């Protein structure tokens, strides 16, 4: 935990693009959104992790990487923050990102606050609940049903009550 830790914000993963057309190198991105109408959140010490595999039995991600905000970055009310690899135009924060393409199993992106609390999780790819359907188990252990719409550019105008996966992901059921 950092000395100026602010874990109070309700920041969400709004969109991700884990598998851009062509070569992935340099073009993957993650967009965060602050749904609060009044609170600015300091992201110093917050971490975004991505896993190139996800075990449905224990909820543990495998492989991948992470990025920790280590300089003053804040997200104002109803604002978006684009974290992108080197070739992502308009990225607010540039870092190396290498998310899984979820070709054979589910992959995961997770937002963790500076106190170690999980704020949001997006699991994408083949179902992670052991069934051949489009159900996913979220970070609370509940079932989230997905509707997907292909996107390739961050919208920044579409704050949603659903997380997005380079494919938009509408949460339903228990999510």
N, C-alpha and C. Protein backbone atom coordinates (compact mmCIF):
# COMPACT_ATOMS: atom_id res chain seq x y z
N UNK A 1 0.84 -1.17 0.00
CA UNK A 1 0.00 0.00 0.00
C UNK A 1 0.89 1.24 0.00
N UNK A 2 0.55 2.21 -0.87
CA UNK A 2 1.31 3.44 -0.90
C UNK A 2 0.83 4.37 0.21
N UNK A 3 1.67 5.33 0.59
CA UNK A 3 1.32 6.21 1.70
C UNK A 3 0.11 7.08 1.37
N UNK A 4 -0.11 7.40 0.10
CA UNK A 4 -1.25 8.21 -0.30
C UNK A 4 -2.33 7.36 -0.93
N UNK A 5 -2.45 6.14 -0.49
CA UNK A 5 -3.38 5.17 -1.07
C UNK A 5 -4.83 5.65 -0.98
N UNK A 6 -5.53 5.61 -2.11
CA UNK A 6 -6.95 5.96 -2.17
C UNK A 6 -7.72 4.81 -2.81
N UNK A 7 -8.15 3.81 -2.00
CA UNK A 7 -8.86 2.67 -2.56
C UNK A 7 -10.36 2.89 -2.68
N UNK A 8 -10.83 4.12 -2.42
CA UNK A 8 -12.27 4.36 -2.31
C UNK A 8 -13.01 4.43 -3.64
N UNK A 9 -12.32 4.67 -4.72
CA UNK A 9 -13.01 4.86 -6.00
C UNK A 9 -13.66 3.61 -6.55
N UNK A 10 -14.67 3.82 -7.36
CA UNK A 10 -15.40 2.72 -7.99
C UNK A 10 -15.07 2.68 -9.48
N UNK A 11 -13.79 2.66 -9.80
CA UNK A 11 -13.33 2.68 -11.19
C UNK A 11 -13.65 1.34 -11.85
N UNK A 12 -14.03 1.39 -13.13
CA UNK A 12 -14.40 0.20 -13.88
C UNK A 12 -13.52 0.03 -15.12
N UNK A 13 -13.30 -1.21 -15.51
CA UNK A 13 -12.70 -1.50 -16.81
C UNK A 13 -13.84 -1.34 -17.80
N UNK A 14 -13.73 -0.36 -18.68
CA UNK A 14 -14.82 -0.05 -19.59
C UNK A 14 -14.68 -0.78 -20.91
N UNK A 15 -13.47 -0.82 -21.46
CA UNK A 15 -13.21 -1.49 -22.73
C UNK A 15 -11.79 -2.04 -22.72
N UNK A 16 -11.59 -3.11 -23.47
CA UNK A 16 -10.23 -3.60 -23.73
C UNK A 16 -10.17 -4.08 -25.17
N UNK A 17 -8.99 -4.06 -25.74
CA UNK A 17 -8.77 -4.65 -27.05
C UNK A 17 -7.57 -5.59 -26.92
N UNK A 18 -7.83 -6.88 -26.68
CA UNK A 18 -6.74 -7.84 -26.48
C UNK A 18 -6.22 -8.46 -27.77
N UNK A 19 -6.97 -8.34 -28.87
CA UNK A 19 -6.58 -9.03 -30.09
C UNK A 19 -6.90 -8.17 -31.31
N UNK A 20 -6.10 -7.12 -31.53
CA UNK A 20 -6.35 -6.27 -32.69
C UNK A 20 -6.08 -7.02 -33.99
N UNK A 21 -6.68 -6.53 -35.08
CA UNK A 21 -6.42 -7.13 -36.39
C UNK A 21 -4.93 -7.05 -36.68
N UNK A 22 -4.41 -8.08 -37.34
CA UNK A 22 -2.99 -8.12 -37.68
C UNK A 22 -2.14 -8.43 -36.47
N UNK A 23 -0.95 -7.88 -36.45
CA UNK A 23 -0.04 -8.09 -35.34
C UNK A 23 -0.54 -7.37 -34.09
N UNK A 24 -0.55 -8.07 -32.96
CA UNK A 24 -1.01 -7.46 -31.71
C UNK A 24 0.00 -6.45 -31.16
N UNK A 25 1.28 -6.68 -31.43
CA UNK A 25 2.35 -5.88 -30.85
C UNK A 25 2.14 -4.39 -31.04
N UNK A 26 2.03 -3.66 -29.92
CA UNK A 26 1.93 -2.22 -29.95
C UNK A 26 0.52 -1.67 -30.02
N UNK A 27 -0.50 -2.50 -30.23
CA UNK A 27 -1.86 -2.00 -30.48
C UNK A 27 -2.90 -2.40 -29.44
N UNK A 28 -2.54 -3.09 -28.39
CA UNK A 28 -3.52 -3.50 -27.38
C UNK A 28 -3.77 -2.35 -26.41
N UNK A 29 -4.98 -2.28 -25.87
CA UNK A 29 -5.30 -1.20 -24.94
C UNK A 29 -6.37 -1.61 -23.94
N UNK A 30 -6.42 -0.83 -22.84
CA UNK A 30 -7.39 -1.01 -21.76
C UNK A 30 -7.91 0.39 -21.43
N UNK A 31 -9.24 0.52 -21.35
CA UNK A 31 -9.83 1.81 -21.01
C UNK A 31 -10.55 1.70 -19.66
N UNK A 32 -10.25 2.62 -18.77
CA UNK A 32 -10.90 2.70 -17.47
C UNK A 32 -11.93 3.82 -17.48
N UNK A 33 -12.94 3.70 -16.60
CA UNK A 33 -14.00 4.70 -16.50
C UNK A 33 -14.34 4.95 -15.04
N UNK A 34 -14.53 6.22 -14.70
CA UNK A 34 -14.96 6.60 -13.36
C UNK A 34 -16.44 6.98 -13.44
N UNK A 35 -17.35 6.11 -12.96
CA UNK A 35 -18.78 6.39 -13.07
C UNK A 35 -19.32 7.42 -12.06
N UNK A 36 -18.49 7.85 -11.14
CA UNK A 36 -18.94 8.81 -10.13
C UNK A 36 -19.27 10.15 -10.78
N UNK A 37 -20.30 10.80 -10.29
CA UNK A 37 -20.64 12.12 -10.81
C UNK A 37 -19.94 13.23 -10.02
N UNK A 38 -19.20 12.86 -8.95
CA UNK A 38 -18.57 13.90 -8.14
C UNK A 38 -17.15 13.60 -7.66
N UNK A 39 -16.75 12.33 -7.56
CA UNK A 39 -15.46 11.99 -6.95
C UNK A 39 -14.34 11.80 -7.97
N UNK A 40 -13.21 12.45 -7.72
CA UNK A 40 -11.99 12.21 -8.49
C UNK A 40 -11.19 11.15 -7.73
N UNK A 41 -10.64 10.18 -8.44
CA UNK A 41 -9.90 9.09 -7.80
C UNK A 41 -8.44 9.16 -8.20
N UNK A 42 -7.56 9.14 -7.21
CA UNK A 42 -6.12 9.09 -7.42
C UNK A 42 -5.75 7.63 -7.66
N UNK A 43 -5.15 7.33 -8.79
CA UNK A 43 -4.82 5.95 -9.15
C UNK A 43 -3.41 5.54 -8.74
N UNK A 44 -2.69 6.39 -8.02
CA UNK A 44 -1.33 6.05 -7.58
C UNK A 44 -1.35 4.74 -6.78
N UNK A 45 -0.57 3.76 -7.23
CA UNK A 45 -0.49 2.47 -6.57
C UNK A 45 -1.51 1.45 -7.04
N UNK A 46 -2.49 1.84 -7.89
CA UNK A 46 -3.44 0.89 -8.45
C UNK A 46 -2.74 0.07 -9.53
N UNK A 47 -3.19 -1.16 -9.75
CA UNK A 47 -2.55 -2.06 -10.71
C UNK A 47 -3.59 -2.66 -11.66
N UNK A 48 -3.20 -2.78 -12.92
CA UNK A 48 -3.99 -3.52 -13.90
C UNK A 48 -3.18 -4.78 -14.21
N UNK A 49 -3.81 -5.94 -14.08
CA UNK A 49 -3.14 -7.19 -14.43
C UNK A 49 -3.88 -7.83 -15.60
N UNK A 50 -3.13 -8.57 -16.40
CA UNK A 50 -3.75 -9.34 -17.48
C UNK A 50 -3.13 -10.72 -17.48
N UNK A 51 -3.97 -11.69 -17.75
CA UNK A 51 -3.53 -13.08 -17.74
C UNK A 51 -3.82 -13.71 -19.09
N UNK A 52 -2.90 -14.55 -19.54
CA UNK A 52 -3.06 -15.23 -20.82
C UNK A 52 -3.70 -16.60 -20.66
N UNK A 53 -4.19 -16.87 -19.48
CA UNK A 53 -4.92 -18.10 -19.19
C UNK A 53 -5.71 -17.88 -17.92
N UNK A 54 -6.76 -18.66 -17.73
CA UNK A 54 -7.61 -18.49 -16.56
C UNK A 54 -8.16 -19.84 -16.16
N UNK A 55 -7.93 -20.24 -14.92
CA UNK A 55 -8.38 -21.53 -14.42
C UNK A 55 -9.75 -21.35 -13.75
N UNK A 56 -10.79 -21.94 -14.36
CA UNK A 56 -12.15 -21.78 -13.84
C UNK A 56 -12.33 -22.44 -12.48
N UNK A 57 -11.54 -23.47 -12.20
CA UNK A 57 -11.71 -24.19 -10.94
C UNK A 57 -11.31 -23.36 -9.73
N UNK A 58 -10.23 -22.58 -9.86
CA UNK A 58 -9.79 -21.80 -8.70
C UNK A 58 -9.79 -20.29 -8.93
N UNK A 59 -10.19 -19.85 -10.14
CA UNK A 59 -10.26 -18.42 -10.42
C UNK A 59 -8.92 -17.74 -10.53
N UNK A 60 -7.85 -18.50 -10.72
CA UNK A 60 -6.52 -17.95 -10.78
C UNK A 60 -6.09 -17.76 -12.23
N UNK A 61 -5.57 -16.57 -12.54
CA UNK A 61 -5.03 -16.30 -13.86
C UNK A 61 -3.61 -16.81 -13.96
N UNK A 62 -3.20 -17.17 -15.18
CA UNK A 62 -1.84 -17.65 -15.40
C UNK A 62 -1.19 -16.82 -16.50
N UNK A 63 0.12 -16.72 -16.49
CA UNK A 63 0.84 -15.95 -17.49
C UNK A 63 0.42 -14.49 -17.48
N UNK A 64 0.93 -13.72 -18.41
CA UNK A 64 0.50 -12.34 -18.55
C UNK A 64 1.45 -11.34 -17.94
N UNK A 65 0.91 -10.21 -17.49
CA UNK A 65 1.73 -9.14 -16.94
C UNK A 65 0.89 -8.16 -16.15
N UNK A 66 1.49 -7.03 -15.81
CA UNK A 66 0.76 -6.02 -15.05
C UNK A 66 1.37 -4.64 -15.26
N UNK A 67 0.62 -3.65 -14.87
CA UNK A 67 1.06 -2.26 -14.91
C UNK A 67 0.55 -1.59 -13.64
N UNK A 68 1.47 -0.94 -12.91
CA UNK A 68 1.09 -0.22 -11.69
C UNK A 68 1.29 1.28 -11.92
N UNK A 69 0.28 2.05 -11.60
CA UNK A 69 0.38 3.51 -11.69
C UNK A 69 1.31 3.97 -10.59
N UNK A 70 2.45 4.55 -10.97
CA UNK A 70 3.43 4.96 -9.97
C UNK A 70 3.71 6.45 -10.01
N UNK A 71 2.96 7.17 -10.78
CA UNK A 71 3.09 8.62 -10.78
C UNK A 71 1.68 9.19 -10.63
N UNK A 72 1.58 10.44 -10.26
CA UNK A 72 0.24 11.01 -10.03
C UNK A 72 -0.63 10.94 -11.28
N UNK A 73 -1.61 10.05 -11.24
CA UNK A 73 -2.62 9.94 -12.29
C UNK A 73 -3.95 9.91 -11.57
N UNK A 74 -4.84 10.79 -11.96
CA UNK A 74 -6.17 10.78 -11.34
C UNK A 74 -7.22 10.68 -12.44
N UNK A 75 -8.38 10.19 -12.05
CA UNK A 75 -9.48 10.01 -12.97
C UNK A 75 -10.67 10.76 -12.41
N UNK A 76 -11.04 11.86 -13.10
CA UNK A 76 -12.13 12.71 -12.63
C UNK A 76 -13.49 12.08 -12.82
N UNK A 77 -14.52 12.73 -12.28
CA UNK A 77 -15.88 12.22 -12.40
C UNK A 77 -16.27 12.02 -13.87
N UNK A 78 -16.82 10.85 -14.17
CA UNK A 78 -17.30 10.48 -15.50
C UNK A 78 -16.23 10.61 -16.58
N UNK A 79 -14.97 10.47 -16.19
CA UNK A 79 -13.86 10.53 -17.16
C UNK A 79 -13.37 9.14 -17.51
N UNK A 80 -12.69 9.07 -18.65
CA UNK A 80 -12.09 7.85 -19.16
C UNK A 80 -10.58 7.98 -19.15
N UNK A 81 -9.88 6.86 -19.03
CA UNK A 81 -8.42 6.85 -19.10
C UNK A 81 -8.02 5.69 -19.99
N UNK A 82 -7.29 6.00 -21.05
CA UNK A 82 -6.86 4.98 -22.01
C UNK A 82 -5.42 4.60 -21.74
N UNK A 83 -5.20 3.33 -21.39
CA UNK A 83 -3.88 2.78 -21.18
C UNK A 83 -3.57 1.97 -22.42
N UNK A 84 -2.57 2.36 -23.17
CA UNK A 84 -2.31 1.70 -24.44
C UNK A 84 -0.86 1.36 -24.65
N UNK A 85 -0.66 0.41 -25.54
CA UNK A 85 0.69 0.05 -25.95
C UNK A 85 1.24 1.16 -26.85
N UNK A 86 2.48 1.05 -27.27
CA UNK A 86 3.21 2.11 -27.95
C UNK A 86 2.53 2.71 -29.18
N UNK A 87 1.77 1.91 -29.94
CA UNK A 87 1.17 2.39 -31.18
C UNK A 87 -0.30 2.77 -31.06
N UNK A 88 -0.82 2.85 -29.84
CA UNK A 88 -2.22 3.22 -29.64
C UNK A 88 -2.35 4.74 -29.64
N UNK A 89 -3.04 5.26 -30.64
CA UNK A 89 -3.21 6.71 -30.75
C UNK A 89 -4.09 7.22 -29.62
N UNK A 90 -3.69 8.34 -29.03
CA UNK A 90 -4.50 8.99 -28.00
C UNK A 90 -4.40 8.36 -26.63
N UNK A 91 -3.46 7.44 -26.42
CA UNK A 91 -3.32 6.82 -25.10
C UNK A 91 -2.90 7.87 -24.07
N UNK A 92 -3.58 7.85 -22.92
CA UNK A 92 -3.22 8.75 -21.83
C UNK A 92 -2.00 8.24 -21.08
N UNK A 93 -1.87 6.92 -21.00
CA UNK A 93 -0.74 6.26 -20.37
C UNK A 93 -0.22 5.21 -21.35
N UNK A 94 1.08 5.22 -21.61
CA UNK A 94 1.67 4.27 -22.56
C UNK A 94 2.52 3.27 -21.78
N UNK A 95 2.26 1.98 -22.01
CA UNK A 95 3.01 0.91 -21.39
C UNK A 95 2.93 -0.32 -22.28
N UNK A 96 3.84 -1.24 -22.10
CA UNK A 96 3.81 -2.48 -22.87
C UNK A 96 2.68 -3.37 -22.36
N UNK A 97 1.80 -3.78 -23.27
CA UNK A 97 0.67 -4.64 -22.94
C UNK A 97 0.70 -5.85 -23.85
N UNK A 98 0.53 -7.04 -23.28
CA UNK A 98 0.51 -8.27 -24.07
C UNK A 98 -0.54 -9.21 -23.48
N UNK A 99 -1.82 -8.87 -23.76
CA UNK A 99 -2.92 -9.67 -23.24
C UNK A 99 -3.07 -10.95 -24.07
N UNK A 100 -3.71 -11.94 -23.51
CA UNK A 100 -3.99 -13.17 -24.23
C UNK A 100 -5.07 -12.96 -25.27
N UNK A 101 -5.04 -13.78 -26.32
CA UNK A 101 -6.04 -13.72 -27.37
C UNK A 101 -7.22 -14.64 -27.12
N UNK A 102 -7.17 -15.39 -26.01
CA UNK A 102 -8.28 -16.27 -25.61
C UNK A 102 -8.69 -17.24 -26.71
N UNK A 103 -7.71 -17.77 -27.41
CA UNK A 103 -8.04 -18.68 -28.51
C UNK A 103 -8.46 -20.05 -28.03
N UNK A 104 -7.88 -20.54 -26.95
CA UNK A 104 -8.23 -21.89 -26.50
C UNK A 104 -8.80 -21.92 -25.08
N UNK A 105 -8.63 -20.85 -24.34
CA UNK A 105 -9.22 -20.79 -23.00
C UNK A 105 -9.42 -19.33 -22.62
N UNK A 106 -10.15 -19.10 -21.56
CA UNK A 106 -10.46 -17.73 -21.14
C UNK A 106 -9.21 -17.01 -20.63
N UNK A 107 -9.17 -15.72 -20.87
CA UNK A 107 -8.13 -14.84 -20.36
C UNK A 107 -8.80 -13.78 -19.50
N UNK A 108 -7.97 -13.02 -18.75
CA UNK A 108 -8.55 -12.10 -17.78
C UNK A 108 -7.77 -10.80 -17.71
N UNK A 109 -8.51 -9.70 -17.48
CA UNK A 109 -7.94 -8.40 -17.14
C UNK A 109 -8.58 -8.00 -15.82
N UNK A 110 -7.75 -7.51 -14.89
CA UNK A 110 -8.27 -7.20 -13.56
C UNK A 110 -7.70 -5.86 -13.09
N UNK A 111 -8.54 -5.07 -12.42
CA UNK A 111 -8.14 -3.81 -11.83
C UNK A 111 -8.11 -3.98 -10.32
N UNK A 112 -6.94 -3.69 -9.71
CA UNK A 112 -6.74 -3.87 -8.27
C UNK A 112 -6.36 -2.51 -7.68
N UNK A 113 -7.03 -2.12 -6.60
CA UNK A 113 -6.72 -0.83 -6.00
C UNK A 113 -5.40 -0.88 -5.23
N UNK A 114 -4.97 0.26 -4.72
CA UNK A 114 -3.68 0.37 -4.05
C UNK A 114 -3.63 -0.35 -2.71
N UNK A 115 -4.77 -0.81 -2.24
CA UNK A 115 -4.85 -1.55 -0.99
C UNK A 115 -4.97 -3.06 -1.24
N UNK A 116 -4.92 -3.47 -2.52
CA UNK A 116 -5.00 -4.89 -2.87
C UNK A 116 -6.40 -5.41 -3.13
N UNK A 117 -7.40 -4.53 -3.08
CA UNK A 117 -8.78 -4.95 -3.33
C UNK A 117 -9.10 -4.99 -4.81
N UNK A 118 -9.77 -6.05 -5.26
CA UNK A 118 -10.17 -6.17 -6.67
C UNK A 118 -11.35 -5.24 -6.91
N UNK A 119 -11.19 -4.32 -7.86
CA UNK A 119 -12.25 -3.36 -8.20
C UNK A 119 -13.09 -3.82 -9.38
N UNK A 120 -12.46 -4.49 -10.35
CA UNK A 120 -13.21 -4.96 -11.52
C UNK A 120 -12.41 -6.06 -12.20
N UNK A 121 -13.13 -6.98 -12.83
CA UNK A 121 -12.52 -8.09 -13.55
C UNK A 121 -13.28 -8.31 -14.85
N UNK A 122 -12.54 -8.51 -15.93
CA UNK A 122 -13.14 -8.91 -17.21
C UNK A 122 -12.49 -10.23 -17.61
N UNK A 123 -13.31 -11.25 -17.82
CA UNK A 123 -12.85 -12.54 -18.31
C UNK A 123 -13.42 -12.69 -19.70
N UNK A 124 -12.59 -13.05 -20.67
CA UNK A 124 -13.05 -13.14 -22.05
C UNK A 124 -12.49 -14.39 -22.70
N UNK A 125 -13.15 -14.82 -23.76
CA UNK A 125 -12.74 -16.03 -24.48
C UNK A 125 -13.69 -17.16 -24.19
N UNK A 126 -13.26 -18.38 -24.45
CA UNK A 126 -14.14 -19.53 -24.20
C UNK A 126 -14.60 -19.55 -22.74
N UNK A 127 -15.79 -20.05 -22.54
CA UNK A 127 -16.42 -20.08 -21.22
C UNK A 127 -15.47 -20.59 -20.16
N UNK A 128 -15.56 -20.00 -18.96
CA UNK A 128 -14.69 -20.42 -17.87
C UNK A 128 -15.44 -21.17 -16.78
N UNK A 129 -16.71 -21.55 -17.06
CA UNK A 129 -17.47 -22.24 -16.02
C UNK A 129 -17.57 -23.74 -16.27
N UNK A 130 -16.78 -24.26 -17.24
CA UNK A 130 -16.77 -25.69 -17.50
C UNK A 130 -17.89 -26.15 -18.41
N UNK A 131 -18.74 -25.24 -18.86
CA UNK A 131 -19.85 -25.59 -19.74
C UNK A 131 -19.58 -24.99 -21.12
N UNK A 132 -20.21 -25.56 -22.13
CA UNK A 132 -20.04 -25.06 -23.50
C UNK A 132 -21.14 -24.03 -23.78
N UNK A 133 -21.02 -22.85 -23.20
CA UNK A 133 -21.98 -21.79 -23.38
C UNK A 133 -21.26 -20.46 -23.25
N UNK A 134 -21.99 -19.37 -23.15
CA UNK A 134 -21.33 -18.06 -23.05
C UNK A 134 -21.39 -17.49 -21.64
N UNK A 135 -21.39 -18.35 -20.63
CA UNK A 135 -21.43 -17.89 -19.25
C UNK A 135 -20.02 -17.79 -18.68
N UNK A 136 -19.82 -16.78 -17.88
CA UNK A 136 -18.54 -16.57 -17.23
C UNK A 136 -18.77 -16.38 -15.74
N UNK A 137 -17.83 -16.80 -14.95
CA UNK A 137 -17.88 -16.57 -13.51
C UNK A 137 -17.07 -15.31 -13.23
N UNK A 138 -17.71 -14.30 -12.61
CA UNK A 138 -17.01 -13.05 -12.36
C UNK A 138 -16.18 -13.13 -11.08
N UNK A 139 -15.56 -12.00 -10.70
CA UNK A 139 -14.66 -11.99 -9.55
C UNK A 139 -15.40 -12.17 -8.22
N UNK A 140 -16.72 -12.13 -8.23
CA UNK A 140 -17.49 -12.40 -7.02
C UNK A 140 -18.01 -13.83 -7.00
N UNK A 141 -17.64 -14.63 -8.02
CA UNK A 141 -18.08 -16.01 -8.09
C UNK A 141 -19.49 -16.15 -8.63
N UNK A 142 -20.04 -15.07 -9.21
CA UNK A 142 -21.38 -15.11 -9.76
C UNK A 142 -21.33 -15.31 -11.27
N UNK A 143 -22.44 -15.75 -11.85
CA UNK A 143 -22.51 -15.98 -13.29
C UNK A 143 -22.82 -14.67 -14.01
N UNK A 144 -22.04 -14.37 -15.02
CA UNK A 144 -22.27 -13.20 -15.87
C UNK A 144 -22.47 -13.72 -17.29
N UNK A 145 -23.60 -13.40 -17.91
CA UNK A 145 -23.87 -13.82 -19.29
C UNK A 145 -23.41 -12.70 -20.21
N UNK A 146 -22.80 -13.05 -21.33
CA UNK A 146 -22.20 -12.06 -22.19
C UNK A 146 -22.94 -11.87 -23.50
N UNK A 147 -22.99 -10.62 -23.96
CA UNK A 147 -23.38 -10.29 -25.32
C UNK A 147 -22.18 -9.56 -25.89
N UNK A 148 -21.73 -9.93 -27.07
CA UNK A 148 -20.50 -9.37 -27.61
C UNK A 148 -20.76 -8.60 -28.90
N UNK A 149 -20.11 -7.43 -29.02
CA UNK A 149 -20.16 -6.63 -30.22
C UNK A 149 -18.72 -6.27 -30.55
N UNK A 150 -18.26 -6.56 -31.75
CA UNK A 150 -16.86 -6.29 -32.11
C UNK A 150 -16.60 -4.79 -32.19
N UNK A 151 -15.53 -4.33 -31.57
CA UNK A 151 -15.07 -2.95 -31.70
C UNK A 151 -13.57 -2.98 -31.93
N UNK A 152 -13.01 -1.92 -32.48
CA UNK A 152 -11.56 -1.89 -32.68
C UNK A 152 -10.93 -0.62 -32.15
N UNK A 153 -11.72 0.41 -31.88
CA UNK A 153 -11.20 1.66 -31.36
C UNK A 153 -11.90 1.99 -30.04
N UNK A 154 -11.20 2.58 -29.09
CA UNK A 154 -11.86 2.96 -27.85
C UNK A 154 -12.94 4.01 -28.14
N UNK A 155 -14.11 3.86 -27.57
CA UNK A 155 -15.20 4.79 -27.86
C UNK A 155 -15.09 6.08 -27.06
N UNK A 156 -14.72 5.97 -25.81
CA UNK A 156 -14.60 7.10 -24.88
C UNK A 156 -15.89 7.88 -24.72
N UNK A 157 -16.88 7.64 -25.54
CA UNK A 157 -18.15 8.33 -25.37
C UNK A 157 -19.19 7.40 -24.77
N UNK A 158 -18.86 6.16 -24.59
CA UNK A 158 -19.85 5.19 -24.17
C UNK A 158 -19.52 4.58 -22.81
N UNK A 159 -19.86 5.30 -21.78
CA UNK A 159 -19.77 4.70 -20.45
C UNK A 159 -20.91 3.72 -20.37
N UNK A 160 -20.64 2.54 -19.87
CA UNK A 160 -21.69 1.55 -19.87
C UNK A 160 -21.79 0.85 -18.55
N UNK A 161 -22.93 0.23 -18.35
CA UNK A 161 -23.11 -0.57 -17.15
C UNK A 161 -22.55 -1.95 -17.39
N UNK A 162 -21.85 -2.10 -18.48
CA UNK A 162 -21.23 -3.37 -18.79
C UNK A 162 -19.78 -3.14 -19.14
N UNK A 163 -18.98 -4.13 -18.85
CA UNK A 163 -17.58 -4.05 -19.24
C UNK A 163 -17.49 -4.39 -20.70
N UNK A 164 -16.38 -4.11 -21.30
CA UNK A 164 -16.23 -4.31 -22.72
C UNK A 164 -14.94 -5.05 -22.99
N UNK A 165 -14.95 -5.82 -24.03
CA UNK A 165 -13.78 -6.59 -24.39
C UNK A 165 -13.49 -6.40 -25.85
N UNK A 166 -12.82 -5.44 -26.27
CA UNK A 166 -12.50 -5.31 -27.68
C UNK A 166 -13.66 -5.89 -28.42
N UNK A 167 -14.39 -6.45 -27.67
CA UNK A 167 -15.71 -6.97 -27.95
C UNK A 167 -16.47 -6.40 -26.79
N UNK A 168 -17.58 -5.78 -27.03
CA UNK A 168 -18.34 -5.25 -25.89
C UNK A 168 -18.98 -6.40 -25.16
N UNK A 169 -19.00 -6.33 -23.88
CA UNK A 169 -19.45 -7.43 -23.04
C UNK A 169 -20.55 -6.91 -22.12
N UNK A 170 -21.76 -7.32 -22.36
CA UNK A 170 -22.87 -6.86 -21.54
C UNK A 170 -23.10 -7.85 -20.42
N UNK A 171 -23.05 -7.36 -19.19
CA UNK A 171 -23.23 -8.23 -18.04
C UNK A 171 -24.72 -8.48 -17.83
N UNK A 172 -25.05 -9.72 -17.56
CA UNK A 172 -26.44 -10.09 -17.27
C UNK A 172 -26.42 -11.13 -16.18
N UNK A 173 -27.52 -11.76 -15.93
CA UNK A 173 -27.57 -12.82 -14.92
C UNK A 173 -27.13 -12.28 -13.57
N UNK A 174 -26.16 -12.93 -12.94
CA UNK A 174 -25.71 -12.53 -11.61
C UNK A 174 -24.70 -11.43 -11.62
N UNK A 175 -24.21 -10.95 -12.80
CA UNK A 175 -23.16 -9.95 -12.85
C UNK A 175 -23.70 -8.61 -12.81
